[in-house]
Amino acid sequence: MKQPKQTRMCVRCRKRFQQKELLRLQSNGYSLCAFSGRGRSFYVCEECLAQPKTFQIIIKMNKLKVSEELIATIKEIWNLWQKK
């Protein structure tokens, strides 16, 4: 029997992708981080991450406070993910 492929949905565009094609993030209190393996998380596709409004949606969705540190964290996570 064939194994079903694991697909997940991008929180911004609502399109489905293979799980390995998406960046998995998690809101940890009032900050954002790469998924730690515990708790709830969400996925964002590469195309949506390239759009500036995506950061605003992520911030609003997770009730985060906008700061330079938060934006820097998102960009750092993105850069690390691209290197995989």
Protein backbone atom coordinates (compact mmCIF):
# COMPACT_ATOMS: atom_id res chain seq x y z
CA MET A 1 0.00 0.00 0.00
CA LYS A 2 1.32 3.43 -0.95
CA GLN A 3 2.05 5.91 1.88
CA PRO A 4 0.11 9.19 1.58
CA LYS A 5 2.36 12.19 1.08
CA GLN A 6 2.42 14.60 3.99
CA THR A 7 0.94 17.89 2.84
CA ARG A 8 0.51 21.02 4.89
CA MET A 9 -1.17 24.35 4.21
CA CYS A 10 0.49 27.77 4.10
CA VAL A 11 -1.23 30.13 6.55
CA ARG A 12 -1.15 33.02 4.09
CA CYS A 13 -2.07 31.66 0.63
CA ARG A 14 -3.85 28.50 1.88
CA LYS A 15 -2.20 26.37 -0.81
CA ARG A 16 -1.06 22.85 0.04
CA PHE A 17 2.59 21.80 -0.23
CA GLN A 18 4.81 18.93 0.77
CA GLN A 19 5.78 19.42 4.40
CA LYS A 20 9.49 19.68 3.57
CA GLU A 21 8.82 22.61 1.18
CA LEU A 22 7.42 24.83 3.93
CA LEU A 23 9.00 26.84 6.72
CA ARG A 24 7.59 25.75 10.08
CA LEU A 25 7.34 28.47 12.72
CA GLN A 26 5.96 28.70 16.21
CA SER A 27 4.83 31.54 18.42
CA ASN A 28 6.53 31.30 21.79
CA GLY A 29 4.84 33.79 24.07
CA TYR A 30 5.45 37.17 22.48
CA SER A 31 8.24 36.03 20.17
CA LEU A 32 8.58 33.95 17.05
CA CYS A 33 10.96 31.04 16.57
CA ALA A 34 11.60 28.01 14.41
CA PHE A 35 9.54 25.02 15.51
CA SER A 36 11.05 23.49 18.65
CA GLY A 37 9.27 20.14 18.48
CA ARG A 38 6.68 20.94 21.13
CA GLY A 39 3.48 22.93 20.99
CA ARG A 40 1.48 24.38 18.12
CA SER A 41 3.08 25.64 14.95
CA PHE A 42 2.21 26.96 11.50
CA TYR A 43 3.65 26.76 8.01
CA VAL A 44 4.57 29.44 5.46
CA CYS A 45 5.57 28.80 1.85
CA GLU A 46 8.61 30.31 0.15
CA GLU A 47 6.50 32.45 -2.19
CA CYS A 48 4.57 34.04 0.68
CA LEU A 49 7.72 34.69 2.70
CA ALA A 50 9.04 36.78 -0.17
CA GLN A 51 6.03 39.11 0.15
CA PRO A 52 6.26 41.94 2.69
CA LYS A 53 2.65 41.62 3.88
CA THR A 54 3.29 38.09 5.13
CA PHE A 55 5.20 39.41 8.14
CA GLN A 56 2.24 41.60 9.07
CA ILE A 57 -0.12 38.63 8.81
CA ILE A 58 2.14 36.45 10.96
CA ILE A 59 2.44 39.20 13.56
CA LYS A 60 -1.33 39.80 13.64
CA MET A 61 -2.20 36.08 13.62
CA ASN A 62 0.02 35.40 16.65
CA LYS A 63 -0.76 38.67 18.46
CA LEU A 64 2.91 39.60 18.49
CA LYS A 65 4.29 43.06 19.13
CA VAL A 66 6.06 44.54 16.12
CA SER A 67 9.70 45.27 16.76
CA GLU A 68 12.96 45.40 14.88
CA GLU A 69 14.05 42.35 16.88
CA LEU A 70 11.03 40.35 15.70
CA ILE A 71 11.62 41.25 12.04
CA ALA A 72 15.31 40.37 12.41
CA THR A 73 14.35 37.01 13.96
CA ILE A 74 12.01 36.19 11.08
CA LYS A 75 14.69 37.06 8.53
CA GLU A 76 17.30 35.01 10.42
CA ILE A 77 15.02 31.97 10.53
CA TRP A 78 14.31 32.42 6.82
CA ASN A 79 18.02 32.58 5.95
CA LEU A 80 18.78 29.46 7.98
CA TRP A 81 15.89 27.61 6.36
CA GLN A 82 17.08 28.53 2.85
CA LYS A 83 20.49 27.01 3.56
CA LYS A 84 18.96 23.57 4.28
